[in-house]
Amino acid sequence: MDDKSKRYRTEILKILRDSGKPLGSTKITELLSVSGIETNERTVRFHLQKLDDDGMTRKISKRVGREITPAGLSELEGVNILGRLGFIVSKIDGLSYNMGFDPVKREGLIVLNVSLIPVEQFETALEEILMAFRAGLGMGRLALLRGPGEKIGNMIVPSNMVGFGTVCSVTLNGLLLKEGIPVASRYGSLLRMEGGRPVCFTELVDYLGTTLDPLEMFLRAGMTSVGKASRGQSGVVGASFREIPIVAGGRLEAVRRKLDILGLSGILAVGKPNQPLLNVSVDEGMIGMAVVGGLNPVAAAHEAGVDTINAALHCLAPYEALEGFENLRTRFRNLVK
């Protein structure tokens, strides 16, 4: 079996596992597109038949689709798990290096997370999304909205869905690199907020020790309470912990001001040299930073019962295509006219 076929097989099994219910080839094809795999239904049906033959999936009916079997779950548990450790760090570094954003001209590529939300649920989602942005719990003030059939990155938004792009916090890495400040991405985390202020980290996942994006994982597990935090209550939000060298600390405040002007601010707290930040220690010669998670507005909608499909670190997209979150309601109404 060639590498391409192995990837199809693995990604189809992941989709069936994560859905928790049987799916047909049309839906699987759409979800593969969200993961950046462009294919067609015929190819998906071919691989599903092979998986059936190997006992990894089971066809319920033509209308209902297929479900993953215990053998399929076991297959996933053993899929090159050690080889994929550190993949997230590599992806972070690759995307931040390839951004090519010019903060003076205000043009170029930045990193986006992409979420899919059913059209009929988006009004409900929007209330939570706007509240999270107003509370400063999104990565800056910008977002991207696309309707069915439109494109975000290499993904075409499926029918009856809205494509919602949020600025990924990895964008900060690229911007700091452009200013000559190297960044070490240490942990994907959950951060407790009280009265709109960060208090302490409650969960940490080392990027080097995971094969999944931690914030996407926390959201799926229902571990956030962004809605509460955006209302000034005690709540837990997605965040990340990064480090910069002490020698670059003096330039950070100027960069933060630039980020705010660009609508890309997302630094919640900065530590002191060689000192722990919000109960997390730093390496010698470093300064810690707490950075807000770009998926937080979507997490707030998810907490309110809205169905979401999320892909963190999904793609590079033009900065100039994004707009202020204040325009999202008008943009959505124009999409569904």
Protein backbone atom coordinates (compact mmCIF):
# COMPACT_ATOMS: atom_id res chain seq x y z
CA MET A 1 0.00 0.00 0.00
CA ASP A 2 1.46 3.37 -1.01
CA ASP A 3 1.75 6.35 1.38
CA LYS A 4 -1.17 8.20 -0.23
CA SER A 5 -3.53 5.26 0.25
CA LYS A 6 -2.37 4.86 3.85
CA ARG A 7 -3.15 8.51 4.50
CA TYR A 8 -6.64 8.21 3.01
CA ARG A 9 -7.27 5.13 5.09
CA THR A 10 -6.10 6.77 8.31
CA GLU A 11 -7.99 10.03 7.79
CA ILE A 12 -11.25 8.23 6.92
CA LEU A 13 -10.97 6.13 10.06
CA LYS A 14 -10.31 9.27 12.15
CA ILE A 15 -13.40 10.96 10.72
CA LEU A 16 -15.60 7.97 11.50
CA ARG A 17 -14.13 7.68 15.00
CA ASP A 18 -14.60 11.37 15.83
CA SER A 19 -18.12 11.61 14.39
CA GLY A 20 -19.53 9.09 16.86
CA LYS A 21 -22.10 8.02 14.26
CA PRO A 22 -22.22 6.43 10.78
CA LEU A 23 -21.38 8.68 7.84
CA GLY A 24 -21.82 8.41 4.08
CA SER A 25 -19.18 9.02 1.43
CA THR A 26 -20.47 12.54 0.67
CA LYS A 27 -20.00 13.72 4.25
CA ILE A 28 -16.63 11.98 4.57
CA THR A 29 -15.43 13.70 1.38
CA GLU A 30 -16.46 17.09 2.82
CA LEU A 31 -14.66 16.42 6.10
CA LEU A 32 -11.52 15.27 4.29
CA SER A 33 -11.54 18.64 2.54
CA VAL A 34 -11.61 20.38 5.93
CA SER A 35 -8.44 18.45 6.81
CA GLY A 36 -6.79 19.69 3.61
CA ILE A 37 -7.25 16.49 1.60
CA GLU A 38 -8.86 17.22 -1.75
CA THR A 39 -10.49 14.13 -3.26
CA ASN A 40 -13.81 12.95 -4.70
CA GLU A 41 -16.60 10.63 -3.63
CA ARG A 42 -15.55 7.89 -6.02
CA THR A 43 -12.10 7.67 -4.42
CA VAL A 44 -13.62 7.73 -0.92
CA ARG A 45 -16.05 4.92 -1.83
CA PHE A 46 -13.10 2.87 -3.13
CA HIS A 47 -11.20 3.21 0.14
CA LEU A 48 -14.32 2.55 2.22
CA GLN A 49 -14.83 -0.73 0.38
CA LYS A 50 -11.21 -1.69 1.12
CA LEU A 51 -11.74 -0.82 4.79
CA ASP A 52 -14.91 -2.94 4.80
CA ASP A 53 -12.98 -5.85 3.34
CA ASP A 54 -10.32 -5.50 6.06
CA GLY A 55 -12.94 -5.34 8.81
CA MET A 56 -12.05 -1.75 9.78
CA THR A 57 -15.46 -0.31 8.87
CA ARG A 58 -18.98 -1.69 8.62
CA LYS A 59 -21.69 -0.59 6.18
CA ILE A 60 -24.98 0.04 7.95
CA SER A 61 -26.97 0.91 4.83
CA LYS A 62 -26.63 2.94 1.65
CA ARG A 63 -28.60 5.79 3.22
CA VAL A 64 -26.98 5.79 6.69
CA GLY A 65 -23.41 5.04 5.65
CA ARG A 66 -20.61 3.33 7.57
CA GLU A 67 -19.29 3.14 11.09
CA ILE A 68 -15.86 2.30 12.43
CA THR A 69 -15.36 -1.15 13.99
CA PRO A 70 -13.25 -2.13 17.01
CA ALA A 71 -10.62 -3.33 14.55
CA GLY A 72 -10.61 0.13 12.98
CA LEU A 73 -10.15 1.78 16.36
CA SER A 74 -7.22 -0.54 17.12
CA GLU A 75 -5.73 0.30 13.75
CA LEU A 76 -5.77 4.01 14.58
CA GLU A 77 -4.13 3.50 17.96
CA GLY A 78 -1.07 2.04 16.31
CA VAL A 79 -0.71 4.34 13.30
CA ASN A 80 2.84 5.69 13.40
CA ILE A 81 2.23 7.32 16.77
CA LEU A 82 5.93 7.86 17.57
CA GLY A 83 6.67 9.15 14.10
CA ARG A 84 4.07 11.87 14.49
CA LEU A 85 5.26 13.18 17.85
CA GLY A 86 6.51 16.70 17.34
CA PHE A 87 4.43 17.11 14.19
CA ILE A 88 2.52 20.06 15.69
CA VAL A 89 5.74 21.94 16.47
CA SER A 90 6.95 21.34 12.91
CA LYS A 91 3.66 22.62 11.53
CA ILE A 92 3.80 25.71 13.77
CA ASP A 93 7.35 26.49 12.66
CA GLY A 94 6.57 25.87 9.00
CA LEU A 95 3.47 28.08 8.92
CA SER A 96 5.07 30.94 10.86
CA TYR A 97 8.15 30.85 8.61
CA ASN A 98 6.04 30.90 5.42
CA MET A 99 3.66 33.70 6.45
CA GLY A 100 5.16 36.46 4.34
CA PHE A 101 3.06 39.17 6.01
CA ASP A 102 4.12 42.82 5.64
CA PRO A 103 2.88 44.81 8.66
CA VAL A 104 3.74 48.16 7.02
CA LYS A 105 1.74 47.51 3.85
CA ARG A 106 -0.82 45.50 5.83
CA GLU A 107 -0.88 42.73 3.30
CA GLY A 108 0.31 39.18 2.95
CA LEU A 109 -0.44 35.81 4.49
CA ILE A 110 -1.33 35.00 8.08
CA VAL A 111 -2.30 31.69 9.72
CA LEU A 112 -5.98 30.76 10.02
CA ASN A 113 -8.00 28.23 11.97
CA VAL A 114 -11.12 27.18 10.06
CA SER A 115 -14.44 26.10 11.55
CA LEU A 116 -17.59 24.84 9.86
CA ILE A 117 -20.93 25.76 11.43
CA PRO A 118 -24.41 24.84 10.15
CA VAL A 119 -26.13 27.83 8.51
CA GLU A 120 -29.26 27.36 10.63
CA GLN A 121 -27.19 27.53 13.85
CA PHE A 122 -24.96 30.44 12.95
CA GLU A 123 -27.19 33.17 14.44
CA THR A 124 -26.96 31.38 17.80
CA ALA A 125 -23.23 30.90 17.35
CA LEU A 126 -22.76 34.55 16.45
CA GLU A 127 -24.05 35.82 19.79
CA GLU A 128 -21.35 33.84 21.62
CA ILE A 129 -18.67 34.59 19.05
CA LEU A 130 -19.21 38.35 19.27
CA MET A 131 -19.22 38.29 23.06
CA ALA A 132 -15.91 36.40 23.13
CA PHE A 133 -14.30 38.87 20.72
CA ARG A 134 -15.57 41.87 22.73
CA ALA A 135 -14.03 40.33 25.87
CA GLY A 136 -10.65 40.10 24.12
CA LEU A 137 -10.69 36.29 24.06
CA GLY A 138 -10.13 35.97 20.33
CA MET A 139 -6.77 36.35 18.63
CA GLY A 140 -7.17 40.02 17.74
CA ARG A 141 -10.30 41.54 16.19
CA LEU A 142 -10.38 40.00 12.71
CA ALA A 143 -12.23 37.04 11.19
CA LEU A 144 -13.25 35.58 7.85
CA LEU A 145 -16.72 34.39 6.85
CA ARG A 146 -17.53 32.33 3.77
CA GLY A 147 -20.75 30.74 2.55
CA PRO A 148 -21.51 27.37 0.92
CA GLY A 149 -19.41 26.77 -2.19
CA GLU A 150 -16.90 29.49 -1.32
CA LYS A 151 -13.28 28.71 -0.53
CA ILE A 152 -11.09 29.12 2.56
CA GLY A 153 -7.53 28.00 1.94
CA ASN A 154 -7.83 24.75 0.02
CA MET A 155 -11.25 23.92 1.47
CA ILE A 156 -14.57 24.52 -0.25
CA VAL A 157 -17.34 25.23 2.30
CA PRO A 158 -19.92 22.41 2.13
CA SER A 159 -23.59 23.02 1.41
CA ASN A 160 -25.71 24.24 4.35
CA MET A 161 -22.55 25.26 6.23
CA VAL A 162 -20.74 28.50 7.00
CA GLY A 163 -16.96 28.62 6.89
CA PHE A 164 -15.58 30.72 9.74
CA GLY A 165 -11.89 31.62 9.82
CA THR A 166 -10.22 32.85 12.99
CA VAL A 167 -6.66 34.14 13.30
CA CYS A 168 -4.45 31.40 14.70
CA SER A 169 -2.09 32.39 17.50
CA VAL A 170 0.78 31.00 15.39
CA THR A 171 0.45 34.25 13.44
CA LEU A 172 2.10 35.88 16.45
CA ASN A 173 5.16 33.66 15.99
CA GLY A 174 5.54 34.80 12.38
CA LEU A 175 5.16 38.47 13.28
CA LEU A 176 7.69 38.24 16.11
CA LEU A 177 10.14 36.44 13.83
CA LYS A 178 9.78 39.29 11.32
CA GLU A 179 10.78 41.67 14.13
CA GLY A 180 13.84 39.54 14.86
CA ILE A 181 12.40 37.92 18.00
CA PRO A 182 12.65 34.09 18.02
CA VAL A 183 9.76 32.28 19.71
CA ALA A 184 9.62 28.84 21.34
CA SER A 185 6.12 27.29 21.40
CA ARG A 186 6.02 25.23 24.58
CA TYR A 187 2.48 24.28 25.56
CA GLY A 188 -1.08 24.28 24.33
CA SER A 189 -3.06 25.01 27.47
CA LEU A 190 -6.16 25.94 29.36
CA LEU A 191 -6.05 29.22 31.27
CA ARG A 192 -8.36 30.25 34.08
CA MET A 193 -9.78 33.76 33.82
CA GLU A 194 -11.35 35.74 36.68
CA GLY A 195 -13.05 39.08 35.99
CA GLY A 196 -11.43 39.27 32.57
CA ARG A 197 -7.90 38.69 33.89
CA PRO A 198 -5.69 35.58 33.58
CA VAL A 199 -5.14 33.81 36.89
CA CYS A 200 -3.35 30.50 36.25
CA PHE A 201 -2.86 27.73 33.76
CA THR A 202 -4.93 24.67 34.61
CA GLU A 203 -3.85 22.20 31.89
CA LEU A 204 -0.69 21.96 29.81
CA VAL A 205 0.06 19.79 26.79
CA ASP A 206 3.65 19.84 25.52
CA TYR A 207 3.62 20.45 21.77
CA LEU A 208 6.53 18.03 21.40
CA GLY A 209 4.55 15.23 23.02
CA THR A 210 1.30 15.39 21.09
CA THR A 211 0.08 14.41 17.63
CA LEU A 212 -2.99 16.66 17.88
CA ASP A 213 -3.46 20.40 18.28
CA PRO A 214 -4.13 20.77 22.04
CA LEU A 215 -6.69 23.59 21.75
CA GLU A 216 -8.72 21.66 19.19
CA MET A 217 -8.55 18.68 21.55
CA PHE A 218 -9.69 20.70 24.59
CA LEU A 219 -12.62 22.13 22.63
CA ARG A 220 -13.75 18.72 21.41
CA ALA A 221 -13.54 17.35 24.97
CA GLY A 222 -15.76 20.13 26.33
CA MET A 223 -13.07 21.38 28.72
CA THR A 224 -13.50 25.11 28.05
CA SER A 225 -15.90 27.66 29.54
CA VAL A 226 -15.18 30.62 27.28
CA GLY A 227 -18.79 31.79 27.46
CA LYS A 228 -18.51 32.33 31.21
CA ALA A 229 -15.14 34.06 30.89
CA SER A 230 -16.48 36.40 28.19
CA ARG A 231 -19.20 37.47 30.63
CA GLY A 232 -16.62 38.38 33.28
CA GLN A 233 -17.22 35.23 35.33
CA SER A 234 -14.72 32.58 36.32
CA GLY A 235 -14.02 30.53 33.21
CA VAL A 236 -11.41 28.46 31.40
CA VAL A 237 -10.20 29.48 27.94
CA GLY A 238 -7.81 28.07 25.37
CA ALA A 239 -4.34 29.59 25.41
CA SER A 240 -0.73 28.75 24.65
CA PHE A 241 2.51 29.23 26.50
CA ARG A 242 5.47 30.61 24.57
CA GLU A 243 8.96 31.80 25.44
CA ILE A 244 11.23 34.47 24.01
CA PRO A 245 14.87 35.21 24.90
CA ILE A 246 15.50 37.78 27.63
CA VAL A 247 17.62 39.84 25.23
CA ALA A 248 14.51 40.39 23.06
CA GLY A 249 12.26 41.41 25.95
CA GLY A 250 12.92 45.13 25.57
CA ARG A 251 11.45 45.13 22.06
CA LEU A 252 8.30 43.23 22.90
CA GLU A 253 6.17 46.19 24.04
CA ALA A 254 6.73 48.03 20.76
CA VAL A 255 5.70 44.91 18.86
CA ARG A 256 2.55 44.58 21.00
CA ARG A 257 1.53 48.11 20.03
CA LYS A 258 1.97 47.25 16.35
CA LEU A 259 -0.12 44.11 16.78
CA ASP A 260 -2.92 46.07 18.38
CA ILE A 261 -2.99 48.53 15.47
CA LEU A 262 -3.13 45.60 13.03
CA GLY A 263 -6.02 43.96 14.90
CA LEU A 264 -3.84 40.96 15.71
CA SER A 265 -3.16 41.40 19.41
CA GLY A 266 -3.39 38.28 21.53
CA ILE A 267 -0.75 38.43 24.27
CA LEU A 268 -2.59 38.08 27.59
CA ALA A 269 0.40 38.23 29.93
CA VAL A 270 4.19 38.55 29.84
CA GLY A 271 6.43 37.26 32.62
CA LYS A 272 9.65 38.54 34.10
CA PRO A 273 13.07 37.21 33.06
CA ASN A 274 13.72 33.71 34.43
CA GLN A 275 10.51 33.89 36.48
CA PRO A 276 7.43 31.64 36.32
CA LEU A 277 4.35 33.08 34.60
CA LEU A 278 0.92 32.18 35.95
CA ASN A 279 2.41 29.13 37.73
CA VAL A 280 4.44 27.86 34.73
CA SER A 281 8.24 27.97 34.91
CA VAL A 282 10.47 29.07 32.03
CA ASP A 283 13.84 27.91 30.78
CA GLU A 284 16.94 29.80 31.88
CA GLY A 285 17.45 33.00 29.88
CA MET A 286 13.82 33.17 28.75
CA ILE A 287 10.63 35.18 29.31
CA GLY A 288 7.22 33.50 29.35
CA MET A 289 4.16 34.68 27.41
CA ALA A 290 0.51 33.64 27.68
CA VAL A 291 -1.16 33.91 24.28
CA VAL A 292 -4.91 33.69 23.72
CA GLY A 293 -6.25 30.79 21.62
CA GLY A 294 -7.69 31.75 18.24
CA LEU A 295 -10.46 29.12 18.51
CA ASN A 296 -11.93 30.62 21.70
CA PRO A 297 -14.88 32.39 19.98
CA VAL A 298 -15.85 29.08 18.34
CA ALA A 299 -15.41 27.27 21.65
CA ALA A 300 -17.97 29.66 23.19
CA ALA A 301 -20.45 28.75 20.44
CA HIS A 302 -19.71 25.04 20.91
CA GLU A 303 -20.42 25.39 24.64
CA ALA A 304 -23.83 26.87 23.76
CA GLY A 305 -24.79 23.70 21.88
CA VAL A 306 -23.79 24.74 18.37
CA ASP A 307 -22.37 21.98 16.18
CA THR A 308 -18.84 22.83 15.04
CA ILE A 309 -16.16 21.11 12.98
CA ASN A 310 -12.77 22.66 13.64
CA ALA A 311 -9.36 22.59 12.01
CA ALA A 312 -6.67 24.47 13.90
CA LEU A 313 -3.56 25.62 12.01
CA HIS A 314 -5.54 25.03 8.83
CA CYS A 315 -3.99 27.32 6.23
CA LEU A 316 -2.34 30.58 5.25
CA ALA A 317 -4.79 33.25 4.07
CA PRO A 318 -4.52 36.90 2.94
CA TYR A 319 -4.69 39.36 5.82
CA GLU A 320 -6.58 41.82 3.60
CA ALA A 321 -9.43 39.29 3.15
CA LEU A 322 -10.28 39.44 6.86
CA GLU A 323 -12.61 42.00 8.44
CA GLY A 324 -13.45 43.27 11.91
CA PHE A 325 -15.64 41.01 14.01
CA GLU A 326 -18.15 43.87 14.27
CA ASN A 327 -19.06 43.24 10.61
CA LEU A 328 -19.82 39.53 10.99
CA ARG A 329 -23.57 39.93 11.46
CA THR A 330 -23.95 42.05 8.33
CA ARG A 331 -21.67 39.73 6.39
CA PHE A 332 -23.72 36.68 7.41
CA ARG A 333 -27.02 38.28 6.47
CA ASN A 334 -25.62 39.09 3.04
CA LEU A 335 -24.52 35.47 2.64
CA VAL A 336 -27.98 34.02 3.34
CA LYS A 337 -30.08 36.52 1.36
